[in-house]
Amino acid sequence: MPTLLYLHGFNSSPESAKARQTQQWFGQNAPEIEFICPSLPPYADQAMAQLCEIVEARLPEPVFVIGSSMGGFFASCLAERYAELGAVLINPAVSPDRGLDKWLGENSNYHSGETWLFEEHHIDEYQRWDPAAIKNKNNYLVLLQSGDEVLDYRDAEQRYQGCKIILESGGDHSFIDYHRHLATIHQFLLSTVPSNPQ
């Protein structure tokens, strides 16, 4: 059974609006694909260990990944590690270690309220996982909105040069009207499966 991993953003949760929209759309339109949205810790080593375990348990069946913001960063890490993964990135974080110092200290999760401590060595983890280059360019669809107030869309435009990019003017970091792209996302992910007849 094919699997779709949805990766939420930093300090978010599986309760995020886009995660719920994605689950609902795939449940109605592609029920043959198992939807998984893990609760990701804010620490790169822990998050990647969890994600690699999920992916390796499901290969060689098709595994797809959709990642928003920091989830887009983790999706890239997975797509570069496992060449057969199709990945859709929504306003993805690029080299996120550069902006994580503002999180140093105690924080609380946006959804659950759970507190967590972020320290310097946690930033180093993100730096170590950062892919040196994007090699599997055909496996990516990148959705960007120029009005993203959290991340500069031009960083992603440059990092994912040569990948399929949809850039919309305006919008914001949450990616306004994301649901309009779900059919396109589904079609793209299916196209990344080698045996899929075109």
C-alpha atoms as a PDB file:
ATOM      1  CA  MET A   1       0.000   0.000   0.000  1.00  0.00           C
ATOM      2  CA  PRO A   2       1.423   3.431  -0.927  1.00  0.00           C
ATOM      3  CA  THR A   3       2.070   5.789   1.993  1.00  0.00           C
ATOM      4  CA  LEU A   4       1.802   9.573   2.201  1.00  0.00           C
ATOM      5  CA  LEU A   5       3.779  11.237   4.971  1.00  0.00           C
ATOM      6  CA  TYR A   6       2.661  14.767   5.833  1.00  0.00           C
ATOM      7  CA  LEU A   7       5.323  16.711   7.761  1.00  0.00           C
ATOM      8  CA  HIS A   8       4.115  19.746   9.697  1.00  0.00           C
ATOM      9  CA  GLY A   9       6.151  22.864  10.409  1.00  0.00           C
ATOM     10  CA  PHE A  10       8.387  23.770  13.325  1.00  0.00           C
ATOM     11  CA  ASN A  11       6.569  23.862  16.681  1.00  0.00           C
ATOM     12  CA  SER A  12       3.338  22.865  14.940  1.00  0.00           C
ATOM     13  CA  SER A  13       1.484  19.533  15.108  1.00  0.00           C
ATOM     14  CA  PRO A  14      -0.673  17.059  13.146  1.00  0.00           C
ATOM     15  CA  GLU A  15      -3.579  19.379  14.016  1.00  0.00           C
ATOM     16  CA  SER A  16      -2.346  22.018  11.564  1.00  0.00           C
ATOM     17  CA  ALA A  17      -4.881  23.206   8.990  1.00  0.00           C
ATOM     18  CA  LYS A  18      -2.930  21.947   5.948  1.00  0.00           C
ATOM     19  CA  ALA A  19      -2.379  18.524   7.536  1.00  0.00           C
ATOM     20  CA  ARG A  20      -6.117  18.162   8.111  1.00  0.00           C
ATOM     21  CA  GLN A  21      -6.974  19.425   4.596  1.00  0.00           C
ATOM     22  CA  THR A  22      -4.501  16.946   3.084  1.00  0.00           C
ATOM     23  CA  GLN A  23      -5.841  14.029   5.107  1.00  0.00           C
ATOM     24  CA  GLN A  24      -9.420  14.876   4.163  1.00  0.00           C
ATOM     25  CA  TRP A  25      -8.672  15.289   0.432  1.00  0.00           C
ATOM     26  CA  PHE A  26      -6.665  12.051   0.149  1.00  0.00           C
ATOM     27  CA  GLY A  27      -9.254  10.186   2.241  1.00  0.00           C
ATOM     28  CA  GLN A  28     -11.953  11.189  -0.252  1.00  0.00           C
ATOM     29  CA  ASN A  29      -9.992  11.066  -3.516  1.00  0.00           C
ATOM     30  CA  ALA A  30      -7.162   8.547  -3.002  1.00  0.00           C
ATOM     31  CA  PRO A  31      -8.202   6.192  -0.175  1.00  0.00           C
ATOM     32  CA  GLU A  32      -5.743   3.573  -1.450  1.00  0.00           C
ATOM     33  CA  ILE A  33      -2.899   5.761  -0.092  1.00  0.00           C
ATOM     34  CA  GLU A  34      -2.280   5.458   3.659  1.00  0.00           C
ATOM     35  CA  PHE A  35      -2.002   8.921   5.263  1.00  0.00           C
ATOM     36  CA  ILE A  36       0.444   9.373   8.139  1.00  0.00           C
ATOM     37  CA  CYS A  37       1.127  12.663   9.914  1.00  0.00           C
ATOM     38  CA  PRO A  38       3.620  12.042  12.718  1.00  0.00           C
ATOM     39  CA  SER A  39       4.038  14.493  15.572  1.00  0.00           C
ATOM     40  CA  LEU A  40       7.568  15.773  14.960  1.00  0.00           C
ATOM     41  CA  PRO A  41       9.854  16.844  17.811  1.00  0.00           C
ATOM     42  CA  PRO A  42      11.671  20.187  17.409  1.00  0.00           C
ATOM     43  CA  TYR A  43      15.016  18.358  17.330  1.00  0.00           C
ATOM     44  CA  ALA A  44      16.407  17.328  13.933  1.00  0.00           C
ATOM     45  CA  ASP A  45      18.148  14.106  15.049  1.00  0.00           C
ATOM     46  CA  GLN A  46      15.021  12.805  16.792  1.00  0.00           C
ATOM     47  CA  ALA A  47      12.719  13.853  13.948  1.00  0.00           C
ATOM     48  CA  MET A  48      14.869  12.246  11.251  1.00  0.00           C
ATOM     49  CA  ALA A  49      15.318   9.022  13.236  1.00  0.00           C
ATOM     50  CA  GLN A  50      11.530   8.779  13.536  1.00  0.00           C
ATOM     51  CA  LEU A  51      10.958   9.549   9.841  1.00  0.00           C
ATOM     52  CA  CYS A  52      13.636   7.174   8.517  1.00  0.00           C
ATOM     53  CA  GLU A  53      12.105   4.388  10.595  1.00  0.00           C
ATOM     54  CA  ILE A  54       8.649   5.059   9.083  1.00  0.00           C
ATOM     55  CA  VAL A  55      10.019   5.201   5.512  1.00  0.00           C
ATOM     56  CA  GLU A  56      12.188   2.079   5.809  1.00  0.00           C
ATOM     57  CA  ALA A  57       9.282   0.090   7.253  1.00  0.00           C
ATOM     58  CA  ARG A  58       7.228   0.862   4.132  1.00  0.00           C
ATOM     59  CA  LEU A  59       9.719   0.609   1.272  1.00  0.00           C
ATOM     60  CA  PRO A  60       9.753  -0.816  -1.406  1.00  0.00           C
ATOM     61  CA  GLU A  61       6.074   0.215  -1.597  1.00  0.00           C
ATOM     62  CA  PRO A  62       5.730   3.822  -2.878  1.00  0.00           C
ATOM     63  CA  VAL A  63       6.316   6.458  -0.195  1.00  0.00           C
ATOM     64  CA  PHE A  64       5.345  10.088  -0.809  1.00  0.00           C
ATOM     65  CA  VAL A  65       6.099  13.053   1.404  1.00  0.00           C
ATOM     66  CA  ILE A  66       4.522  16.511   1.704  1.00  0.00           C
ATOM     67  CA  GLY A  67       6.294  18.985   3.968  1.00  0.00           C
ATOM     68  CA  SER A  68       5.389  22.518   4.999  1.00  0.00           C
ATOM     69  CA  SER A  69       8.008  25.019   6.211  1.00  0.00           C
ATOM     70  CA  MET A  70      10.386  23.014   8.453  1.00  0.00           C
ATOM     71  CA  GLY A  71       8.500  19.927   7.302  1.00  0.00           C
ATOM     72  CA  GLY A  72       9.712  20.881   3.807  1.00  0.00           C
ATOM     73  CA  PHE A  73      13.286  20.788   5.086  1.00  0.00           C
ATOM     74  CA  PHE A  74      12.769  17.306   6.536  1.00  0.00           C
ATOM     75  CA  ALA A  75      11.041  16.204   3.318  1.00  0.00           C
ATOM     76  CA  SER A  76      14.167  17.271   1.382  1.00  0.00           C
ATOM     77  CA  CYS A  77      16.409  15.346   3.781  1.00  0.00           C
ATOM     78  CA  LEU A  78      14.293  12.240   3.147  1.00  0.00           C
ATOM     79  CA  ALA A  79      14.083  12.710  -0.637  1.00  0.00           C
ATOM     80  CA  GLU A  80      17.870  13.037  -0.869  1.00  0.00           C
ATOM     81  CA  ARG A  81      18.423   9.995   1.380  1.00  0.00           C
ATOM     82  CA  TYR A  82      15.845   7.770  -0.382  1.00  0.00           C
ATOM     83  CA  ALA A  83      16.023   8.440  -4.126  1.00  0.00           C
ATOM     84  CA  GLU A  84      12.635   6.791  -4.807  1.00  0.00           C
ATOM     85  CA  LEU A  85      10.605   9.264  -2.697  1.00  0.00           C
ATOM     86  CA  GLY A  86       8.370  11.846  -4.365  1.00  0.00           C
ATOM     87  CA  ALA A  87       8.339  15.103  -2.359  1.00  0.00           C
ATOM     88  CA  VAL A  88       6.092  18.160  -2.351  1.00  0.00           C
ATOM     89  CA  LEU A  89       7.395  21.166  -0.427  1.00  0.00           C
ATOM     90  CA  ILE A  90       5.211  24.081   0.688  1.00  0.00           C
ATOM     91  CA  ASN A  91       7.097  27.302   1.485  1.00  0.00           C
ATOM     92  CA  PRO A  92      10.015  25.114   2.668  1.00  0.00           C
ATOM     93  CA  ALA A  93      12.680  26.164   5.166  1.00  0.00           C
ATOM     94  CA  VAL A  94      16.118  26.359   3.503  1.00  0.00           C
ATOM     95  CA  SER A  95      19.219  25.855   5.703  1.00  0.00           C
ATOM     96  CA  PRO A  96      17.019  26.493   8.764  1.00  0.00           C
ATOM     97  CA  ASP A  97      19.931  26.548  11.230  1.00  0.00           C
ATOM     98  CA  ARG A  98      20.456  30.194  10.178  1.00  0.00           C
ATOM     99  CA  GLY A  99      17.252  31.374  11.860  1.00  0.00           C
ATOM    100  CA  LEU A 100      16.819  29.032  14.807  1.00  0.00           C
ATOM    101  CA  ASP A 101      18.709  31.077  17.417  1.00  0.00           C
ATOM    102  CA  LYS A 102      15.510  32.994  18.190  1.00  0.00           C
ATOM    103  CA  TRP A 103      14.102  29.718  19.578  1.00  0.00           C
ATOM    104  CA  LEU A 104      16.907  29.240  22.125  1.00  0.00           C
ATOM    105  CA  GLY A 105      15.497  28.688  25.620  1.00  0.00           C
ATOM    106  CA  GLU A 106      12.106  27.422  26.719  1.00  0.00           C
ATOM    107  CA  ASN A 107       9.212  27.327  24.247  1.00  0.00           C
ATOM    108  CA  SER A 108       5.680  25.944  24.128  1.00  0.00           C
ATOM    109  CA  ASN A 109       3.990  24.121  21.253  1.00  0.00           C
ATOM    110  CA  TYR A 110       1.445  26.201  19.305  1.00  0.00           C
ATOM    111  CA  HIS A 111      -1.207  23.475  19.486  1.00  0.00           C
ATOM    112  CA  SER A 112      -0.569  21.329  22.564  1.00  0.00           C
ATOM    113  CA  GLY A 113       1.003  23.936  24.848  1.00  0.00           C
ATOM    114  CA  GLU A 114       3.692  21.390  25.749  1.00  0.00           C
ATOM    115  CA  THR A 115       6.946  23.096  26.790  1.00  0.00           C
ATOM    116  CA  TRP A 116      10.329  22.187  25.337  1.00  0.00           C
ATOM    117  CA  LEU A 117      13.898  23.446  25.675  1.00  0.00           C
ATOM    118  CA  PHE A 118      15.989  24.418  22.648  1.00  0.00           C
ATOM    119  CA  GLU A 119      19.769  24.663  23.003  1.00  0.00           C
ATOM    120  CA  GLU A 120      22.758  25.524  20.769  1.00  0.00           C
ATOM    121  CA  HIS A 121      23.577  21.880  20.016  1.00  0.00           C
ATOM    122  CA  HIS A 122      20.072  21.452  18.586  1.00  0.00           C
ATOM    123  CA  ILE A 123      20.876  24.112  15.952  1.00  0.00           C
ATOM    124  CA  ASP A 124      24.002  22.102  15.056  1.00  0.00           C
ATOM    125  CA  GLU A 125      21.777  19.080  14.364  1.00  0.00           C
ATOM    126  CA  TYR A 126      19.890  21.011  11.671  1.00  0.00           C
ATOM    127  CA  GLN A 127      23.179  22.123  10.126  1.00  0.00           C
ATOM    128  CA  ARG A 128      24.433  18.521   9.943  1.00  0.00           C
ATOM    129  CA  TRP A 129      21.253  17.280   8.239  1.00  0.00           C
ATOM    130  CA  ASP A 130      21.134  20.115   5.679  1.00  0.00           C
ATOM    131  CA  PRO A 131      21.554  18.542   2.186  1.00  0.00           C
ATOM    132  CA  ALA A 132      24.654  19.926   0.453  1.00  0.00           C
ATOM    133  CA  ALA A 133      22.767  19.980  -2.859  1.00  0.00           C
ATOM    134  CA  ILE A 134      19.466  18.841  -4.324  1.00  0.00           C
ATOM    135  CA  LYS A 135      20.328  15.908  -6.592  1.00  0.00           C
ATOM    136  CA  ASN A 136      17.002  14.149  -7.219  1.00  0.00           C
ATOM    137  CA  LYS A 137      15.411  17.191  -8.892  1.00  0.00           C
ATOM    138  CA  ASN A 138      12.700  15.257 -10.760  1.00  0.00           C
ATOM    139  CA  ASN A 139      11.295  14.059  -7.432  1.00  0.00           C
ATOM    140  CA  TYR A 140      10.311  17.533  -6.211  1.00  0.00           C
ATOM    141  CA  LEU A 141       7.348  19.831  -6.609  1.00  0.00           C
ATOM    142  CA  VAL A 142       7.882  23.115  -4.736  1.00  0.00           C
ATOM    143  CA  LEU A 143       4.970  25.438  -3.927  1.00  0.00           C
ATOM    144  CA  LEU A 144       5.978  28.994  -3.059  1.00  0.00           C
ATOM    145  CA  GLN A 145       4.129  32.218  -2.330  1.00  0.00           C
ATOM    146  CA  SER A 146       6.091  35.454  -2.657  1.00  0.00           C
ATOM    147  CA  GLY A 147       4.183  37.018   0.250  1.00  0.00           C
ATOM    148  CA  ASP A 148       5.665  34.528   2.746  1.00  0.00           C
ATOM    149  CA  GLU A 149       6.370  36.749   5.772  1.00  0.00           C
ATOM    150  CA  VAL A 150       8.458  34.155   7.643  1.00  0.00           C
ATOM    151  CA  LEU A 151      10.827  32.796   4.961  1.00  0.00           C
ATOM    152  CA  ASP A 152      12.258  34.507   1.868  1.00  0.00           C
ATOM    153  CA  TYR A 153      10.807  32.527  -1.059  1.00  0.00           C
ATOM    154  CA  ARG A 154      13.902  33.391  -3.141  1.00  0.00           C
ATOM    155  CA  ASP A 155      16.031  31.116  -0.947  1.00  0.00           C
ATOM    156  CA  ALA A 156      13.849  28.161  -1.926  1.00  0.00           C
ATOM    157  CA  GLU A 157      13.676  29.303  -5.546  1.00  0.00           C
ATOM    158  CA  GLN A 158      17.477  29.174  -5.678  1.00  0.00           C
ATOM    159  CA  ARG A 159      17.911  25.946  -3.672  1.00  0.00           C
ATOM    160  CA  TYR A 160      15.384  24.021  -5.799  1.00  0.00           C
ATOM    161  CA  GLN A 161      16.455  25.404  -9.169  1.00  0.00           C
ATOM    162  CA  GLY A 162      15.775  22.769 -11.833  1.00  0.00           C
ATOM    163  CA  CYS A 163      12.894  21.256  -9.829  1.00  0.00           C
ATOM    164  CA  LYS A 164       9.241  21.815 -10.714  1.00  0.00           C
ATOM    165  CA  ILE A 165       8.264  25.067  -8.958  1.00  0.00           C
ATOM    166  CA  ILE A 166       4.873  26.744  -8.684  1.00  0.00           C
ATOM    167  CA  LEU A 167       5.373  30.354  -7.564  1.00  0.00           C
ATOM    168  CA  GLU A 168       2.342  32.481  -6.755  1.00  0.00           C
ATOM    169  CA  SER A 169       2.564  36.207  -6.087  1.00  0.00           C
ATOM    170  CA  GLY A 170       1.218  37.375  -2.737  1.00  0.00           C
ATOM    171  CA  GLY A 171      -0.065  34.857  -0.223  1.00  0.00           C
ATOM    172  CA  ASP A 172       1.665  34.199   3.078  1.00  0.00           C
ATOM    173  CA  HIS A 173       3.669  31.585   4.997  1.00  0.00           C
ATOM    174  CA  SER A 174       0.616  29.384   5.555  1.00  0.00           C
ATOM    175  CA  PHE A 175       0.189  29.179   1.747  1.00  0.00           C
ATOM    176  CA  ILE A 176      -3.229  30.679   1.104  1.00  0.00           C
ATOM    177  CA  ASP A 177      -5.657  28.449  -0.848  1.00  0.00           C
ATOM    178  CA  TYR A 178      -3.410  25.406  -0.421  1.00  0.00           C
ATOM    179  CA  HIS A 179      -6.428  23.118  -0.930  1.00  0.00           C
ATOM    180  CA  ARG A 180      -6.676  24.235  -4.587  1.00  0.00           C
ATOM    181  CA  HIS A 181      -3.380  22.449  -5.298  1.00  0.00           C
ATOM    182  CA  LEU A 182      -4.190  19.062  -3.776  1.00  0.00           C
ATOM    183  CA  ALA A 183      -5.279  17.455  -7.054  1.00  0.00           C
ATOM    184  CA  THR A 184      -2.056  18.692  -8.718  1.00  0.00           C
ATOM    185  CA  ILE A 185      -0.026  17.404  -5.749  1.00  0.00           C
ATOM    186  CA  HIS A 186      -1.657  13.963  -6.027  1.00  0.00           C
ATOM    187  CA  GLN A 187      -1.010  13.809  -9.777  1.00  0.00           C
ATOM    188  CA  PHE A 188       2.630  14.834  -9.312  1.00  0.00           C
ATOM    189  CA  LEU A 189       3.273  12.266  -6.574  1.00  0.00           C
ATOM    190  CA  LEU A 190       1.849   9.461  -8.717  1.00  0.00           C
ATOM    191  CA  SER A 191       4.108  10.554 -11.580  1.00  0.00           C
ATOM    192  CA  THR A 192       7.188   9.912  -9.414  1.00  0.00           C
ATOM    193  CA  VAL A 193       6.424   6.179  -9.171  1.00  0.00           C
ATOM    194  CA  PRO A 194       8.654   4.553 -11.869  1.00  0.00           C
ATOM    195  CA  SER A 195       6.197   1.811 -12.846  1.00  0.00           C
ATOM    196  CA  ASN A 196       3.248   4.208 -13.107  1.00  0.00           C
ATOM    197  CA  PRO A 197       1.947   4.218 -16.711  1.00  0.00           C
ATOM    198  CA  GLN A 198       1.971   7.747 -18.100  1.00  0.00           C
END
